[in-house]
Amino acid sequence: MFSMIGLLGGLVLLITLTMRGMNLLVAAPLSALFLAVLSGIPLFPQMVGEGEASYVGDYMDGFAGFVGSWFLMFLLGSIFGKVMEDSRSADSVSKWVVDRLGLKYAVLAVVAACAVLTYGGVSLFIVGFTVYPMALSLFKQADLPRRFIPAALAFGSVTFTMTSAGSPEIQNWIPIPHLGTTAYAGWEVSLIVAIFMMVTGYVWLKWMINRAVKKGERFDEREGDPVEVERELPNPALSGIPLAVVLIMAFLFHDTLEESALIIALSSGVFSAWLLNRRYLENVWTSASNGTFGALLAIANTAAVVGFGTVAQATPAFDSAVTVMTDVPGEPLIGAAIAVLAIVGLTGSASGGQEIALPILGPDFLEQGVHPEALHRIVALASGALDSLPHGGYTVTTIRVICGETHRTAYAAVGALTVIVPLLGLILSIFLFSIGVGI
């Protein structure tokens, strides 16, 4: 009883502290401490026998384990994004997309620019910082309520691109070593679901914005808005080549190197971005250094909630919850989806939730005869839904840091597009796999 109170209370505490602006590196261990105390878990490893659970031991095992597995991918992804940003390549690609679509399709232009950069391997956080100034300008020219900018950025970055087959984002690659699959697992279903989410989400976003405009909402200028400065941009065709290089190299090596193919792909992307547009890049080593700081922040925030999830995993309440989820009657993929949703919702991180869920659930569902490619795609899609709850690291960063909005004004639209739409896509994918599509 107390363990369940600790599990649920710890999650509520984590969400509350995060929404109040507390750093995840502080909020996550504090919430895990609350969970451990109510679950009767000893605080220090010196207080228990070898292999037994302790708050500090389990938290740091989860934290360090995630960093050890994914640090190079986070590092190279952040450096690639920073080089693309500092060489103005990302601006050039985004501007090209915006210019082709025009002011009439301002919202679509923002979504498309984010999608192109994300599927090309640019870090989700870098995409937000890169596209935001253009999104602000477009929304201002079109006189649209700026509180919807976070929703447009998030929809283009963490829905139909992040968890789709072939995506170089790590949320699509984490299942590979656990399930023996590839980054293109279940691509037929993935394509259908991506199109469904793309259309559904865009129509919903436009409807929300149009309704707000009819109620009299307009763009509100604020002190401190960035001033647009005209500057020379590199050729958009050359700027797009590094994105293609990342995708091609990931495809060529994904069978032999699995998740390590990302190291080659992102390294190739960094080199090609520097080679093609180096005259626009003031100092590649400065960009690499700044990218390193970004990578440390991103992986530390993610690892912090993985540590929370690892402590949660050691509680009796967690074992009971997993037993219930894995014994869901009927289609095994439904049980897998529910399990991943619950763990990702608990941690507030798609990648962190997968790292906790897959070692526990993967073998069990494979033994039940679940097709590995179907399980891979279901896990990826499920991880991309409840990771966008209010306490999610990406959600907090996009709404508060990048866009300067509040959860009260912006989260309803963000939640609709990054939680509900992916959940609908997940349901569609389960149905398609259940009737034999793609397997």
Protein backbone atom coordinates (compact mmCIF):
# COMPACT_ATOMS: atom_id res chain seq x y z
CA MET A 1 0.00 0.00 0.00
CA PHE A 2 2.71 2.48 1.02
CA SER A 3 4.78 1.41 -1.99
CA MET A 4 1.95 2.29 -4.38
CA ILE A 5 1.45 5.63 -2.62
CA GLY A 6 5.18 6.25 -3.00
CA LEU A 7 5.12 5.32 -6.70
CA LEU A 8 2.16 7.53 -7.58
CA GLY A 9 3.16 10.26 -5.14
CA GLY A 10 6.69 10.35 -6.50
CA LEU A 11 5.36 10.84 -10.02
CA VAL A 12 2.99 13.62 -8.91
CA LEU A 13 5.85 15.28 -7.03
CA LEU A 14 8.12 15.06 -10.09
CA ILE A 15 5.46 16.65 -12.32
CA THR A 16 4.69 19.37 -9.75
CA LEU A 17 8.32 20.32 -9.13
CA THR A 18 9.09 20.38 -12.85
CA MET A 19 6.07 22.52 -13.70
CA ARG A 20 7.14 24.94 -10.98
CA GLY A 21 10.46 25.37 -12.75
CA MET A 22 12.76 23.16 -10.67
CA ASN A 23 15.71 21.69 -12.55
CA LEU A 24 15.22 18.00 -13.39
CA LEU A 25 18.64 17.19 -11.92
CA VAL A 26 17.20 18.26 -8.56
CA ALA A 27 13.54 17.33 -8.99
CA ALA A 28 14.16 13.74 -10.13
CA PRO A 29 16.39 12.62 -7.21
CA LEU A 30 14.12 14.34 -4.70
CA SER A 31 11.07 12.57 -6.15
CA ALA A 32 12.97 9.29 -6.19
CA LEU A 33 13.91 9.82 -2.52
CA PHE A 34 10.23 10.28 -1.63
CA LEU A 35 9.40 7.09 -3.54
CA ALA A 36 12.21 5.11 -1.88
CA VAL A 37 11.31 6.17 1.67
CA LEU A 38 7.63 5.25 1.29
CA SER A 39 8.58 1.95 -0.34
CA GLY A 40 10.99 1.01 2.43
CA ILE A 41 14.08 1.03 0.21
CA PRO A 42 17.31 1.66 2.19
CA LEU A 43 19.09 4.88 1.29
CA PHE A 44 22.67 3.74 0.78
CA PRO A 45 24.27 0.63 -0.82
CA GLN A 46 26.34 0.11 2.34
CA MET A 47 23.11 -0.62 4.22
CA VAL A 48 22.16 -3.62 2.06
CA GLY A 49 23.71 -6.80 0.75
CA GLU A 50 25.33 -7.10 -2.67
CA GLY A 51 22.76 -6.89 -5.45
CA GLU A 52 19.99 -5.59 -3.17
CA ALA A 53 18.10 -2.37 -3.89
CA SER A 54 19.11 0.97 -2.39
CA TYR A 55 18.11 4.51 -3.24
CA VAL A 56 21.58 5.86 -4.08
CA GLY A 57 22.80 2.64 -5.70
CA ASP A 58 19.80 2.12 -7.96
CA TYR A 59 19.46 5.79 -8.87
CA MET A 60 23.09 6.07 -9.92
CA ASP A 61 23.04 2.71 -11.71
CA GLY A 62 20.15 3.96 -13.85
CA PHE A 63 21.71 7.37 -14.38
CA ALA A 64 25.18 6.08 -15.26
CA GLY A 65 23.88 3.17 -17.32
CA PHE A 66 21.92 5.44 -19.63
CA VAL A 67 24.84 7.84 -20.02
CA GLY A 68 27.20 4.95 -20.75
CA SER A 69 24.93 3.54 -23.45
CA TRP A 70 23.96 6.75 -25.28
CA PHE A 71 26.50 9.47 -24.51
CA LEU A 72 28.25 9.36 -27.89
CA MET A 73 24.93 9.49 -29.76
CA PHE A 74 23.75 12.49 -27.73
CA LEU A 75 27.14 14.17 -28.13
CA LEU A 76 27.39 13.74 -31.90
CA GLY A 77 23.72 14.61 -32.40
CA SER A 78 24.14 17.84 -30.46
CA ILE A 79 27.38 18.76 -32.23
CA PHE A 80 25.77 18.03 -35.61
CA GLY A 81 22.84 20.26 -34.73
CA LYS A 82 25.15 23.03 -33.51
CA VAL A 83 27.32 22.92 -36.63
CA MET A 84 24.16 23.01 -38.76
CA GLU A 85 22.97 25.99 -36.72
CA ASP A 86 26.24 27.95 -36.61
CA SER A 87 26.97 27.40 -40.30
CA ARG A 88 23.44 28.71 -40.96
CA SER A 89 22.66 25.47 -42.80
CA ALA A 90 19.61 24.80 -40.61
CA ASP A 91 18.38 28.37 -41.21
CA SER A 92 18.86 27.91 -44.95
CA VAL A 93 16.88 24.66 -45.05
CA SER A 94 14.13 26.09 -42.85
CA LYS A 95 13.90 29.30 -44.89
CA TRP A 96 13.71 27.29 -48.11
CA VAL A 97 10.75 25.34 -46.74
CA VAL A 98 9.06 28.51 -45.51
CA ASP A 99 9.59 30.35 -48.80
CA ARG A 100 8.10 27.51 -50.81
CA LEU A 101 4.95 27.34 -48.69
CA GLY A 102 4.40 31.06 -48.16
CA LEU A 103 2.60 33.16 -45.56
CA LYS A 104 -0.79 31.61 -46.33
CA TYR A 105 0.56 28.34 -44.99
CA ALA A 106 2.55 29.83 -42.12
CA VAL A 107 1.64 27.07 -39.67
CA LEU A 108 2.39 24.32 -42.17
CA ALA A 109 5.73 25.97 -42.96
CA VAL A 110 6.78 25.85 -39.28
CA VAL A 111 5.71 22.21 -38.92
CA ALA A 112 7.43 21.20 -42.17
CA ALA A 113 10.69 22.96 -41.29
CA CYS A 114 10.82 21.12 -37.95
CA ALA A 115 9.99 17.80 -39.61
CA VAL A 116 12.71 18.13 -42.26
CA LEU A 117 15.38 18.97 -39.69
CA THR A 118 14.27 16.30 -37.20
CA TYR A 119 14.11 13.49 -39.75
CA GLY A 120 17.49 14.65 -41.02
CA GLY A 121 19.02 13.92 -37.63
CA VAL A 122 19.18 17.36 -36.01
CA SER A 123 18.61 17.19 -32.24
CA LEU A 124 15.04 17.93 -31.19
CA PHE A 125 16.16 20.76 -28.91
CA ILE A 126 18.34 22.34 -31.60
CA VAL A 127 15.39 22.21 -34.02
CA GLY A 128 13.25 24.20 -31.60
CA PHE A 129 15.86 26.90 -31.07
CA THR A 130 16.55 27.08 -34.83
CA VAL A 131 13.01 27.30 -36.12
CA TYR A 132 11.53 29.46 -33.34
CA PRO A 133 12.72 32.85 -34.71
CA MET A 134 11.21 32.07 -38.12
CA ALA A 135 8.04 30.76 -36.50
CA LEU A 136 7.76 33.99 -34.50
CA SER A 137 8.18 36.07 -37.65
CA LEU A 138 5.60 34.05 -39.59
CA PHE A 139 3.03 34.12 -36.79
CA LYS A 140 3.58 37.88 -36.47
CA GLN A 141 3.10 38.50 -40.20
CA ALA A 142 0.03 36.26 -40.30
CA ASP A 143 -1.29 37.82 -37.04
CA LEU A 144 -1.76 34.44 -35.34
CA PRO A 145 -1.74 33.87 -31.54
CA ARG A 146 1.83 33.18 -30.53
CA ARG A 147 0.79 30.79 -27.75
CA PHE A 148 0.40 28.14 -30.47
CA ILE A 149 4.04 28.31 -31.57
CA PRO A 150 5.17 25.65 -29.02
CA ALA A 151 2.49 23.30 -30.38
CA ALA A 152 3.65 23.84 -33.96
CA LEU A 153 7.30 23.24 -33.04
CA ALA A 154 6.54 20.16 -30.96
CA PHE A 155 4.16 18.66 -33.51
CA GLY A 156 6.77 18.91 -36.26
CA SER A 157 9.54 17.52 -34.06
CA VAL A 158 8.30 14.76 -31.72
CA THR A 159 5.33 13.09 -33.41
CA PHE A 160 5.35 11.68 -36.95
CA THR A 161 9.14 12.10 -37.37
CA MET A 162 10.71 11.09 -34.05
CA THR A 163 9.28 7.58 -33.82
CA SER A 164 8.93 6.73 -37.53
CA ALA A 165 10.83 4.00 -39.34
CA GLY A 166 14.20 5.22 -40.58
CA SER A 167 14.32 8.20 -38.23
CA PRO A 168 17.83 8.82 -36.86
CA GLU A 169 16.42 10.04 -33.53
CA ILE A 170 17.44 7.65 -30.73
CA GLN A 171 13.82 6.88 -29.80
CA ASN A 172 13.72 4.79 -33.00
CA TRP A 173 17.07 3.11 -32.32
CA ILE A 174 16.91 2.09 -28.65
CA PRO A 175 14.77 -1.05 -29.34
CA ILE A 176 17.32 -2.45 -31.84
CA PRO A 177 19.75 -4.23 -29.44
CA HIS A 178 16.88 -5.45 -27.25
CA LEU A 179 14.75 -6.90 -30.06
CA GLY A 180 17.27 -7.71 -32.81
CA THR A 181 15.51 -5.43 -35.29
CA THR A 182 16.55 -2.52 -37.50
CA ALA A 183 15.67 1.16 -37.63
CA TYR A 184 13.24 0.35 -40.45
CA ALA A 185 11.21 -2.17 -38.46
CA GLY A 186 7.54 -2.19 -39.40
CA TRP A 187 8.04 0.51 -41.99
CA GLU A 188 4.76 -0.17 -43.81
CA VAL A 189 2.68 0.43 -40.71
CA SER A 190 4.96 3.29 -39.68
CA LEU A 191 4.34 5.07 -42.99
CA ILE A 192 0.56 4.77 -42.68
CA VAL A 193 0.59 5.94 -39.07
CA ALA A 194 2.93 8.85 -39.85
CA ILE A 195 0.60 10.10 -42.59
CA PHE A 196 -2.38 9.71 -40.27
CA MET A 197 -0.69 11.67 -37.47
CA MET A 198 0.54 14.31 -39.91
CA VAL A 199 -2.91 15.00 -41.34
CA THR A 200 -4.86 14.65 -38.08
CA GLY A 201 -2.48 16.81 -36.09
CA TYR A 202 -2.26 19.56 -38.69
CA VAL A 203 -6.03 19.78 -39.13
CA TRP A 204 -6.47 19.91 -35.35
CA LEU A 205 -3.78 22.58 -34.94
CA LYS A 206 -5.34 24.75 -37.66
CA TRP A 207 -8.78 24.31 -36.07
CA MET A 208 -7.50 25.43 -32.66
CA ILE A 209 -5.76 28.47 -34.12
CA ASN A 210 -8.74 29.46 -36.29
CA ARG A 211 -11.08 29.15 -33.30
CA ALA A 212 -8.82 31.38 -31.22
CA VAL A 213 -8.62 33.97 -34.01
CA LYS A 214 -12.43 34.03 -34.33
CA LYS A 215 -12.59 34.76 -30.60
CA GLY A 216 -10.42 37.82 -31.17
CA GLU A 217 -6.96 36.51 -30.31
CA ARG A 218 -4.12 38.13 -32.23
CA PHE A 219 -0.34 38.11 -32.18
CA ASP A 220 1.00 39.94 -29.14
CA GLU A 221 4.40 41.55 -29.44
CA ARG A 222 6.59 41.46 -26.34
CA GLU A 223 9.59 43.31 -25.13
CA GLY A 224 12.68 41.25 -25.80
CA ASP A 225 11.42 39.61 -28.99
CA PRO A 226 14.37 38.80 -31.25
CA VAL A 227 15.17 41.40 -33.89
CA GLU A 228 15.38 39.94 -37.38
CA VAL A 229 18.73 40.55 -39.02
CA GLU A 230 19.27 39.99 -42.71
CA ARG A 231 22.32 37.86 -43.27
CA GLU A 232 23.71 35.79 -46.08
CA LEU A 233 22.68 32.14 -45.96
CA PRO A 234 24.39 29.19 -47.64
CA ASN A 235 22.86 27.44 -50.61
CA PRO A 236 19.84 25.42 -49.39
CA ALA A 237 20.73 22.46 -51.62
CA LEU A 238 24.22 22.26 -50.12
CA SER A 239 22.76 22.79 -46.65
CA GLY A 240 20.42 19.86 -47.11
CA ILE A 241 23.17 17.43 -48.10
CA PRO A 242 24.36 16.75 -44.51
CA LEU A 243 20.80 15.76 -43.57
CA ALA A 244 20.75 13.29 -46.45
CA VAL A 245 24.21 12.02 -45.48
CA VAL A 246 22.99 11.16 -41.97
CA LEU A 247 20.04 9.18 -43.35
CA ILE A 248 22.10 7.38 -46.01
CA MET A 249 24.93 6.39 -43.65
CA ALA A 250 22.45 5.20 -41.03
CA PHE A 251 20.75 3.05 -43.70
CA LEU A 252 24.03 1.58 -44.96
CA PHE A 253 25.33 0.51 -41.55
CA HIS A 254 22.18 -0.23 -39.55
CA ASP A 255 22.25 -3.99 -40.28
CA THR A 256 25.85 -4.54 -39.23
CA LEU A 257 26.36 -1.98 -36.46
CA GLU A 258 22.80 -1.61 -35.14
CA GLU A 259 22.56 1.45 -32.85
CA SER A 260 26.28 2.18 -33.33
CA ALA A 261 25.48 3.10 -36.93
CA LEU A 262 24.30 6.42 -35.51
CA ILE A 263 27.89 7.21 -34.52
CA ILE A 264 29.07 6.90 -38.12
CA ALA A 265 25.98 8.63 -39.52
CA LEU A 266 26.15 11.67 -37.23
CA SER A 267 29.95 11.94 -37.54
CA SER A 268 29.53 11.96 -41.32
CA GLY A 269 26.85 14.62 -40.96
CA VAL A 270 29.14 16.84 -38.88
CA PHE A 271 32.00 16.49 -41.36
CA SER A 272 29.85 17.12 -44.44
CA ALA A 273 28.16 20.16 -42.83
CA TRP A 274 31.58 21.63 -42.05
CA LEU A 275 33.04 20.77 -45.45
CA LEU A 276 30.19 22.20 -47.53
CA ASN A 277 29.53 25.41 -45.58
CA ARG A 278 32.74 26.04 -43.65
CA ARG A 279 33.04 29.63 -44.88
CA TYR A 280 29.88 30.44 -42.92
CA LEU A 281 31.20 28.72 -39.80
CA GLU A 282 33.35 31.01 -37.69
CA ASN A 283 35.00 28.29 -35.62
CA VAL A 284 34.10 24.63 -35.86
CA TRP A 285 35.72 23.85 -32.50
CA THR A 286 33.65 26.53 -30.78
CA SER A 287 30.54 24.99 -32.30
CA ALA A 288 31.66 21.55 -31.15
CA SER A 289 32.30 22.87 -27.65
CA ASN A 290 28.87 24.52 -27.46
CA GLY A 291 27.30 21.36 -28.83
CA THR A 292 29.02 19.39 -26.09
CA PHE A 293 27.41 21.51 -23.38
CA GLY A 294 24.04 21.01 -25.05
CA ALA A 295 24.60 17.25 -25.15
CA LEU A 296 25.57 17.14 -21.47
CA LEU A 297 22.44 19.03 -20.49
CA ALA A 298 20.15 16.87 -22.65
CA ILE A 299 21.57 13.52 -21.56
CA ALA A 300 21.81 14.58 -17.91
CA ASN A 301 18.14 15.59 -17.86
CA THR A 302 17.15 12.32 -19.52
CA ALA A 303 19.41 10.24 -17.27
CA ALA A 304 17.96 12.01 -14.22
CA VAL A 305 14.48 10.68 -14.97
CA VAL A 306 15.93 7.27 -15.90
CA GLY A 307 17.42 7.20 -12.40
CA PHE A 308 13.97 7.97 -10.98
CA GLY A 309 12.50 5.17 -13.06
CA THR A 310 15.21 2.75 -11.93
CA VAL A 311 14.37 3.40 -8.27
CA ALA A 312 10.68 2.99 -9.13
CA GLN A 313 11.55 -0.30 -10.81
CA ALA A 314 12.92 -1.62 -7.47
CA THR A 315 9.63 -1.10 -5.61
CA PRO A 316 7.03 -3.83 -4.98
CA ALA A 317 4.37 -1.53 -6.51
CA PHE A 318 6.27 -1.45 -9.80
CA ASP A 319 6.48 -5.24 -9.94
CA SER A 320 2.73 -5.48 -9.33
CA ALA A 321 2.03 -2.91 -12.03
CA VAL A 322 4.25 -4.70 -14.58
CA THR A 323 2.55 -8.03 -13.81
CA VAL A 324 -0.84 -6.48 -14.44
CA MET A 325 0.31 -4.83 -17.67
CA THR A 326 1.99 -7.90 -19.11
CA ASP A 327 -1.03 -10.06 -18.30
CA VAL A 328 -3.51 -7.86 -20.16
CA PRO A 329 -5.85 -10.35 -21.91
CA GLY A 330 -6.19 -10.33 -25.68
CA GLU A 331 -3.73 -8.89 -28.19
CA PRO A 332 -0.19 -8.94 -26.65
CA LEU A 333 0.70 -5.72 -28.48
CA ILE A 334 -1.95 -3.93 -26.42
CA GLY A 335 -0.25 -5.07 -23.22
CA ALA A 336 3.14 -3.98 -24.58
CA ALA A 337 1.77 -0.56 -25.52
CA ILE A 338 0.13 -0.04 -22.12
CA ALA A 339 3.31 -1.08 -20.32
CA VAL A 340 5.53 1.29 -22.29
CA LEU A 341 3.01 4.13 -21.95
CA ALA A 342 2.94 3.70 -18.18
CA ILE A 343 6.72 3.60 -17.77
CA VAL A 344 7.33 6.50 -20.17
CA GLY A 345 4.63 8.51 -18.41
CA LEU A 346 6.31 7.74 -15.10
CA THR A 347 9.72 8.93 -16.28
CA GLY A 348 8.61 11.75 -18.61
CA SER A 349 11.16 10.62 -21.18
CA ALA A 350 10.67 8.55 -24.34
CA SER A 351 14.26 7.35 -24.48
CA GLY A 352 14.57 6.88 -20.72
CA GLY A 353 11.28 5.00 -20.53
CA GLN A 354 12.34 2.66 -23.33
CA GLU A 355 15.64 1.89 -21.61
CA ILE A 356 13.76 0.88 -18.47
CA ALA A 357 10.89 -0.95 -20.17
CA LEU A 358 12.62 -3.00 -22.86
CA PRO A 359 14.95 -5.15 -20.69
CA ILE A 360 11.92 -6.12 -18.58
CA LEU A 361 9.18 -6.41 -21.17
CA GLY A 362 11.05 -7.30 -24.36
CA PRO A 363 11.95 -10.93 -23.51
CA ASP A 364 8.51 -11.59 -22.03
CA PHE A 365 6.59 -10.42 -25.10
CA LEU A 366 8.98 -12.11 -27.53
CA GLU A 367 8.41 -15.38 -25.64
CA GLN A 368 4.68 -14.84 -26.17
CA GLY A 369 5.33 -14.89 -29.91
CA VAL A 370 5.02 -11.17 -30.59
CA HIS A 371 6.68 -10.26 -33.90
CA PRO A 372 9.93 -8.33 -33.13
CA GLU A 373 9.35 -5.70 -35.84
CA ALA A 374 5.80 -5.09 -34.66
CA LEU A 375 6.99 -4.83 -31.05
CA HIS A 376 9.77 -2.41 -32.06
CA ARG A 377 7.34 -0.06 -33.79
CA ILE A 378 4.74 -0.28 -31.02
CA VAL A 379 7.37 0.48 -28.37
CA ALA A 380 8.70 3.45 -30.37
CA LEU A 381 5.23 4.88 -31.03
CA ALA A 382 4.11 4.35 -27.43
CA SER A 383 7.22 6.09 -26.14
CA GLY A 384 6.35 9.16 -28.20
CA ALA A 385 3.00 9.77 -26.49
CA LEU A 386 3.19 10.17 -22.73
CA ASP A 387 6.75 11.53 -22.89
CA SER A 388 5.08 14.89 -23.59
CA LEU A 389 3.20 15.11 -20.30
CA PRO A 390 3.73 18.45 -18.50
CA HIS A 391 6.89 17.27 -16.69
CA GLY A 392 8.68 16.01 -19.82
CA GLY A 393 12.06 17.63 -20.39
CA TYR A 394 11.34 18.51 -24.02
CA THR A 395 7.93 19.94 -23.11
CA VAL A 396 9.33 22.18 -20.39
CA THR A 397 12.20 23.37 -22.59
CA THR A 398 10.03 24.14 -25.61
CA ILE A 399 7.24 25.96 -23.79
CA ARG A 400 9.23 27.88 -21.19
CA VAL A 401 12.82 28.23 -22.41
CA ILE A 402 12.48 28.45 -26.19
CA CYS A 403 9.10 30.15 -26.57
CA GLY A 404 8.76 32.03 -23.29
CA GLU A 405 5.18 30.81 -22.73
CA THR A 406 3.56 29.19 -19.71
CA HIS A 407 1.97 25.79 -19.33
CA ARG A 408 -1.36 27.49 -18.62
CA THR A 409 -1.47 29.22 -22.01
CA ALA A 410 0.40 26.80 -24.25
CA TYR A 411 0.18 23.25 -22.90
CA ALA A 412 -3.40 22.45 -23.97
CA ALA A 413 -2.42 22.64 -27.65
CA VAL A 414 0.93 20.93 -27.06
CA GLY A 415 -0.74 18.08 -25.16
CA ALA A 416 -3.41 17.63 -27.83
CA LEU A 417 -0.85 17.26 -30.62
CA THR A 418 1.94 15.40 -28.82
CA VAL A 419 -0.08 13.16 -26.51
CA ILE A 420 -3.53 12.54 -27.98
CA VAL A 421 -2.52 12.40 -31.67
CA PRO A 422 0.33 9.91 -31.01
CA LEU A 423 -2.05 7.83 -28.87
CA LEU A 424 -4.46 7.67 -31.81
CA GLY A 425 -1.56 6.70 -34.07
CA LEU A 426 -0.56 3.99 -31.60
CA ILE A 427 -4.09 2.56 -31.63
CA LEU A 428 -4.06 2.56 -35.44
CA SER A 429 -0.69 0.78 -35.51
CA ILE A 430 -1.93 -1.97 -33.15
CA PHE A 431 -4.95 -2.50 -35.39
CA LEU A 432 -2.81 -2.67 -38.55
CA PHE A 433 -0.35 -5.14 -37.03
CA SER A 434 -3.22 -7.26 -35.66
CA ILE A 435 -4.60 -7.75 -39.19
CA GLY A 436 -1.16 -8.69 -40.51
CA VAL A 437 0.01 -5.49 -42.19
CA GLY A 438 3.81 -5.36 -42.44
CA ILE A 439 4.48 -8.70 -40.68
